Amino acid sequence: MTPHTAMVLAAGLGTRMRPLTDKTAKPLLKVGGKALIDHLLDNLVAAGVKRAVVNVHWCADLVEAHVKARTDLEIIISDEREQVLETGGGLAKARPLLGDDPIFVVNTDAFWGHGGAEPLKSLSGNFDPYGMDEILLLADTKRCLGFPGAGDFFRDGATGTLTRRGDAETAPWAYAGVRLMKPHLYDNEPVEPFSANRIWNQLIPKGRIKGVLLDDFWLHVGDPQALKDAEMWMRCHGA
């Protein structure tokens, strides 16, 4: 199963990236001479994606002009200029544009160091439409840059089933900002600001959300220092 549609979450305010985002959007900041959003779009195209729904809010005109200049896939804009809807609300608003087949959903501030389609193919190759509703790409917290957190999930090695870190001091896996999901999960969700965690909290107890492991170095570009570090990492590793 190769998804042909992706939702690209590009409507954030980029507050942690200020002052770099005072006059531009975080997805347009460059690492290795390429805008963050293009790192993800290039990987999606390599995986066979034909159309990308991109939501916009902060510096929306700049983001829209940038992505519509691409000729290698169809770009559809989900306009959130009036209100930031967060990760869940953005998907609820874009639901009519997403179709009914499983889609990739990607953040624009996280990507894998060497690029390419393999992590996306791993998601689609391990997606069981009968046994799960979402599958997340997970990064090793000891093999990443720019992620100061304690980890998000524990993962059952036999089934791929996820449980949250909860009260544990640390967990080995962080959500890597890329997932494959069924759009119908948002059929009845209101168009209002809310996190995708609302949906995940329903799926996790049912075992309907699984995880696959990223076999690459993970770059999480969330603030100006992480942007500098990612630039240096890519120069040092020829990525």
Protein backbone atom coordinates (compact mmCIF):
# COMPACT_ATOMS: atom_id res chain seq x y z
CA MET A 1 0.00 0.00 0.00
CA THR A 2 1.59 3.24 -1.18
CA PRO A 3 -0.22 6.40 -0.03
CA HIS A 4 -0.55 8.98 -2.79
CA THR A 5 -1.69 11.82 -0.49
CA ALA A 6 0.07 13.53 2.39
CA MET A 7 -0.93 16.21 4.88
CA VAL A 8 1.92 18.62 5.58
CA LEU A 9 1.49 20.55 8.84
CA ALA A 10 2.93 23.99 8.07
CA ALA A 11 0.60 26.34 9.95
CA GLY A 12 2.48 26.73 13.25
CA LEU A 13 3.55 30.11 14.60
CA GLY A 14 7.18 29.09 15.05
CA THR A 15 7.43 30.97 18.33
CA ARG A 16 10.40 28.96 19.63
CA MET A 17 12.30 29.84 16.45
CA ARG A 18 12.07 33.61 16.96
CA PRO A 19 13.56 36.01 15.97
CA LEU A 20 14.20 33.95 12.79
CA THR A 21 10.46 33.61 12.25
CA ASP A 22 9.51 37.23 12.87
CA LYS A 23 9.05 37.77 9.13
CA THR A 24 8.94 34.28 7.69
CA ALA A 25 7.48 30.87 8.50
CA LYS A 26 9.53 28.14 10.15
CA PRO A 27 8.94 25.66 7.27
CA LEU A 28 10.81 28.07 4.97
CA LEU A 29 13.97 28.20 7.10
CA LYS A 30 16.85 26.40 5.42
CA VAL A 31 19.09 23.54 6.50
CA GLY A 32 21.75 22.41 4.09
CA GLY A 33 20.63 25.03 1.58
CA LYS A 34 17.09 23.63 1.44
CA ALA A 35 13.89 24.80 3.15
CA LEU A 36 12.68 22.51 5.92
CA ILE A 37 9.42 21.90 4.10
CA ASP A 38 11.30 20.83 0.97
CA HIS A 39 13.26 18.19 2.87
CA LEU A 40 9.92 16.57 3.73
CA LEU A 41 8.29 17.11 0.33
CA ASP A 42 11.32 15.62 -1.44
CA ASN A 43 11.09 12.53 0.76
CA LEU A 44 7.36 12.24 0.12
CA VAL A 45 7.82 12.46 -3.65
CA ALA A 46 10.52 9.78 -3.47
CA ALA A 47 8.01 7.56 -1.64
CA GLY A 48 5.42 7.93 -4.41
CA VAL A 49 3.21 10.70 -3.03
CA LYS A 50 1.38 12.57 -5.80
CA ARG A 51 -0.53 15.24 -3.87
CA ALA A 52 0.17 17.18 -0.70
CA VAL A 53 -2.37 19.11 1.36
CA VAL A 54 -0.45 21.92 3.09
CA ASN A 55 -2.06 23.98 5.85
CA VAL A 56 -0.98 27.60 6.24
CA HIS A 57 -1.34 30.35 8.84
CA TRP A 58 1.74 32.38 9.82
CA CYS A 59 3.24 34.09 6.74
CA ALA A 60 0.70 32.09 4.77
CA ASP A 61 1.31 33.90 1.47
CA LEU A 62 5.03 33.07 1.60
CA VAL A 63 4.43 29.40 2.34
CA GLU A 64 1.74 29.09 -0.31
CA ALA A 65 3.90 30.72 -2.99
CA HIS A 66 6.87 28.53 -2.07
CA VAL A 67 5.09 25.18 -2.23
CA LYS A 68 3.06 26.06 -5.32
CA ALA A 69 6.30 26.66 -7.19
CA ARG A 70 6.95 22.91 -7.08
CA THR A 71 6.09 20.95 -10.21
CA ASP A 72 6.70 17.39 -9.00
CA LEU A 73 3.44 16.95 -7.10
CA GLU A 74 0.00 18.52 -6.77
CA ILE A 75 -0.22 21.07 -3.96
CA ILE A 76 -3.54 21.82 -2.25
CA ILE A 77 -3.75 24.57 0.35
CA SER A 78 -5.81 24.23 3.53
CA ASP A 79 -6.27 27.83 4.62
CA GLU A 80 -6.02 28.46 8.37
CA ARG A 81 -5.28 32.18 8.12
CA GLU A 82 -8.16 33.04 10.47
CA GLN A 83 -7.17 30.71 13.32
CA VAL A 84 -4.39 28.34 14.33
CA LEU A 85 -6.02 24.93 14.69
CA GLU A 86 -3.09 22.83 15.99
CA THR A 87 -2.29 19.32 14.78
CA GLY A 88 -5.74 17.84 15.29
CA GLY A 89 -7.86 20.79 14.28
CA GLY A 90 -5.80 21.25 11.14
CA LEU A 91 -6.62 17.70 10.06
CA ALA A 92 -10.31 18.18 10.91
CA LYS A 93 -10.47 21.29 8.70
CA ALA A 94 -8.60 19.60 5.86
CA ARG A 95 -10.65 16.39 6.09
CA PRO A 96 -12.69 17.05 2.89
CA LEU A 97 -9.41 17.38 0.95
CA LEU A 98 -7.78 14.18 2.18
CA GLY A 99 -9.79 11.44 0.51
CA ASP A 100 -10.59 8.13 2.18
CA ASP A 101 -7.40 6.12 1.69
CA PRO A 102 -4.63 6.17 4.33
CA ILE A 103 -2.37 9.22 4.13
CA PHE A 104 1.00 10.36 5.42
CA VAL A 105 0.96 13.21 7.94
CA VAL A 106 4.25 15.06 8.44
CA ASN A 107 5.58 17.88 10.57
CA THR A 108 7.97 20.28 8.88
CA ASP A 109 10.51 20.71 11.68
CA ALA A 110 11.75 17.12 11.82
CA PHE A 111 13.46 14.94 9.22
CA TRP A 112 15.98 12.13 8.95
CA GLY A 113 19.59 13.00 8.33
CA HIS A 114 20.21 11.15 5.07
CA GLY A 115 16.83 11.77 3.47
CA GLY A 116 15.10 9.44 1.07
CA ALA A 117 11.94 7.37 1.07
CA GLU A 118 12.91 4.39 3.22
CA PRO A 119 11.30 5.52 6.50
CA LEU A 120 8.08 6.31 4.65
CA LYS A 121 8.17 2.96 2.88
CA SER A 122 8.70 1.30 6.24
CA LEU A 123 5.52 2.97 7.53
CA SER A 124 3.45 1.88 4.55
CA GLY A 125 5.00 -1.60 4.48
CA ASN A 126 4.07 -2.21 8.10
CA PHE A 127 0.61 -0.65 7.99
CA ASP A 128 -2.18 -3.17 8.54
CA PRO A 129 -5.51 -1.47 7.73
CA TYR A 130 -7.40 -4.18 9.61
CA GLY A 131 -5.31 -4.17 12.76
CA MET A 132 -4.47 -0.49 13.19
CA ASP A 133 -5.65 3.04 12.48
CA GLU A 134 -2.31 4.85 12.73
CA ILE A 135 1.34 3.92 12.59
CA LEU A 136 3.99 6.35 13.85
CA LEU A 137 7.63 6.74 12.92
CA LEU A 138 9.70 6.59 16.11
CA ALA A 139 13.20 7.94 16.68
CA ASP A 140 15.74 6.65 19.17
CA THR A 141 16.17 9.39 21.78
CA LYS A 142 19.89 8.52 21.92
CA ARG A 143 20.28 8.96 18.18
CA CYS A 144 18.89 12.40 17.55
CA LEU A 145 19.65 16.10 17.55
CA GLY A 146 17.54 18.95 18.91
CA PHE A 147 15.21 16.82 21.04
CA PRO A 148 15.55 17.67 24.75
CA GLY A 149 12.60 15.58 25.90
CA ALA A 150 12.51 12.39 27.93
CA GLY A 151 10.91 10.32 25.18
CA ASP A 152 7.27 9.70 24.31
CA PHE A 153 6.60 5.98 24.03
CA PHE A 154 7.43 2.45 24.96
CA ARG A 155 7.02 -0.05 22.12
CA ASP A 156 6.26 -3.75 22.24
CA GLY A 157 8.97 -5.36 20.13
CA ALA A 158 6.75 -8.21 18.98
CA THR A 159 3.60 -6.31 18.00
CA GLY A 160 4.75 -2.69 17.59
CA THR A 161 2.00 -1.59 19.99
CA LEU A 162 2.68 1.68 21.82
CA THR A 163 2.19 2.83 25.38
CA ARG A 164 2.91 6.32 26.66
CA ARG A 165 5.82 7.13 28.94
CA GLY A 166 3.39 8.02 31.70
CA ASP A 167 5.11 8.35 35.08
CA ALA A 168 8.36 6.78 33.90
CA GLU A 169 11.39 9.04 34.03
CA THR A 170 12.33 8.29 30.42
CA ALA A 171 11.12 6.32 27.42
CA PRO A 172 13.35 5.13 24.56
CA TRP A 173 11.30 6.37 21.62
CA ALA A 174 10.22 9.84 20.46
CA TYR A 175 7.57 10.55 17.87
CA ALA A 176 9.59 11.52 14.79
CA GLY A 177 6.95 13.81 13.28
CA VAL A 178 5.78 11.42 10.54
CA ARG A 179 2.88 9.01 10.56
CA LEU A 180 0.45 7.09 8.37
CA MET A 181 -3.22 7.26 9.31
CA LYS A 182 -6.79 6.73 8.21
CA PRO A 183 -8.46 10.07 7.48
CA HIS A 184 -11.83 8.84 8.73
CA LEU A 185 -10.50 9.28 12.28
CA TYR A 186 -11.33 12.97 11.84
CA ASP A 187 -14.77 12.55 10.24
CA ASN A 188 -16.67 13.75 13.28
CA GLU A 189 -14.09 16.00 14.90
CA PRO A 190 -14.95 19.71 15.25
CA VAL A 191 -12.92 22.33 13.39
CA GLU A 192 -11.40 23.88 16.48
CA PRO A 193 -7.92 24.05 18.02
CA PHE A 194 -6.94 20.67 19.46
CA SER A 195 -4.00 18.30 19.45
CA ALA A 196 -3.83 14.97 17.65
CA ASN A 197 -3.25 13.54 21.12
CA ARG A 198 -7.04 13.61 21.51
CA ILE A 199 -7.25 10.90 18.86
CA TRP A 200 -4.19 9.03 20.08
CA ASN A 201 -5.64 8.82 23.59
CA GLN A 202 -8.59 6.92 22.12
CA LEU A 203 -6.46 4.60 19.97
CA ILE A 204 -3.67 3.64 22.39
CA PRO A 205 -5.85 1.74 24.92
CA LYS A 206 -7.38 -0.21 22.02
CA GLY A 207 -4.00 -1.16 20.56
CA ARG A 208 -4.97 0.57 17.32
CA ILE A 209 -1.82 2.69 17.07
CA LYS A 210 1.55 1.10 16.32
CA GLY A 211 5.11 2.29 15.75
CA VAL A 212 8.02 1.53 13.44
CA LEU A 213 11.61 2.51 14.18
CA LEU A 214 13.61 5.06 12.22
CA ASP A 215 16.92 3.57 11.12
CA ASP A 216 18.65 6.92 10.67
CA PHE A 217 19.77 9.93 12.66
CA TRP A 218 16.82 12.16 13.53
CA LEU A 219 17.03 15.94 13.24
CA HIS A 220 14.44 17.89 15.22
CA VAL A 221 14.77 21.57 14.28
CA GLY A 222 12.72 23.35 16.91
CA ASP A 223 14.75 26.42 17.86
CA PRO A 224 17.63 28.56 16.50
CA GLN A 225 20.33 26.47 18.20
CA ALA A 226 18.88 23.25 16.80
CA LEU A 227 18.86 24.88 13.35
CA LYS A 228 22.58 25.66 13.68
CA ASP A 229 23.31 22.17 14.99
CA ALA A 230 21.40 20.55 12.12
CA GLU A 231 23.33 22.65 9.61
CA MET A 232 26.62 21.53 11.14
CA TRP A 233 25.52 17.89 11.29
CA MET A 234 24.64 17.84 7.62
CA ARG A 235 27.92 19.50 6.63
CA CYS A 236 29.91 16.98 8.70
CA HIS A 237 28.02 13.97 7.34
CA GLY A 238 27.73 15.07 3.72
CA ALA A 239 23.96 14.80 3.84
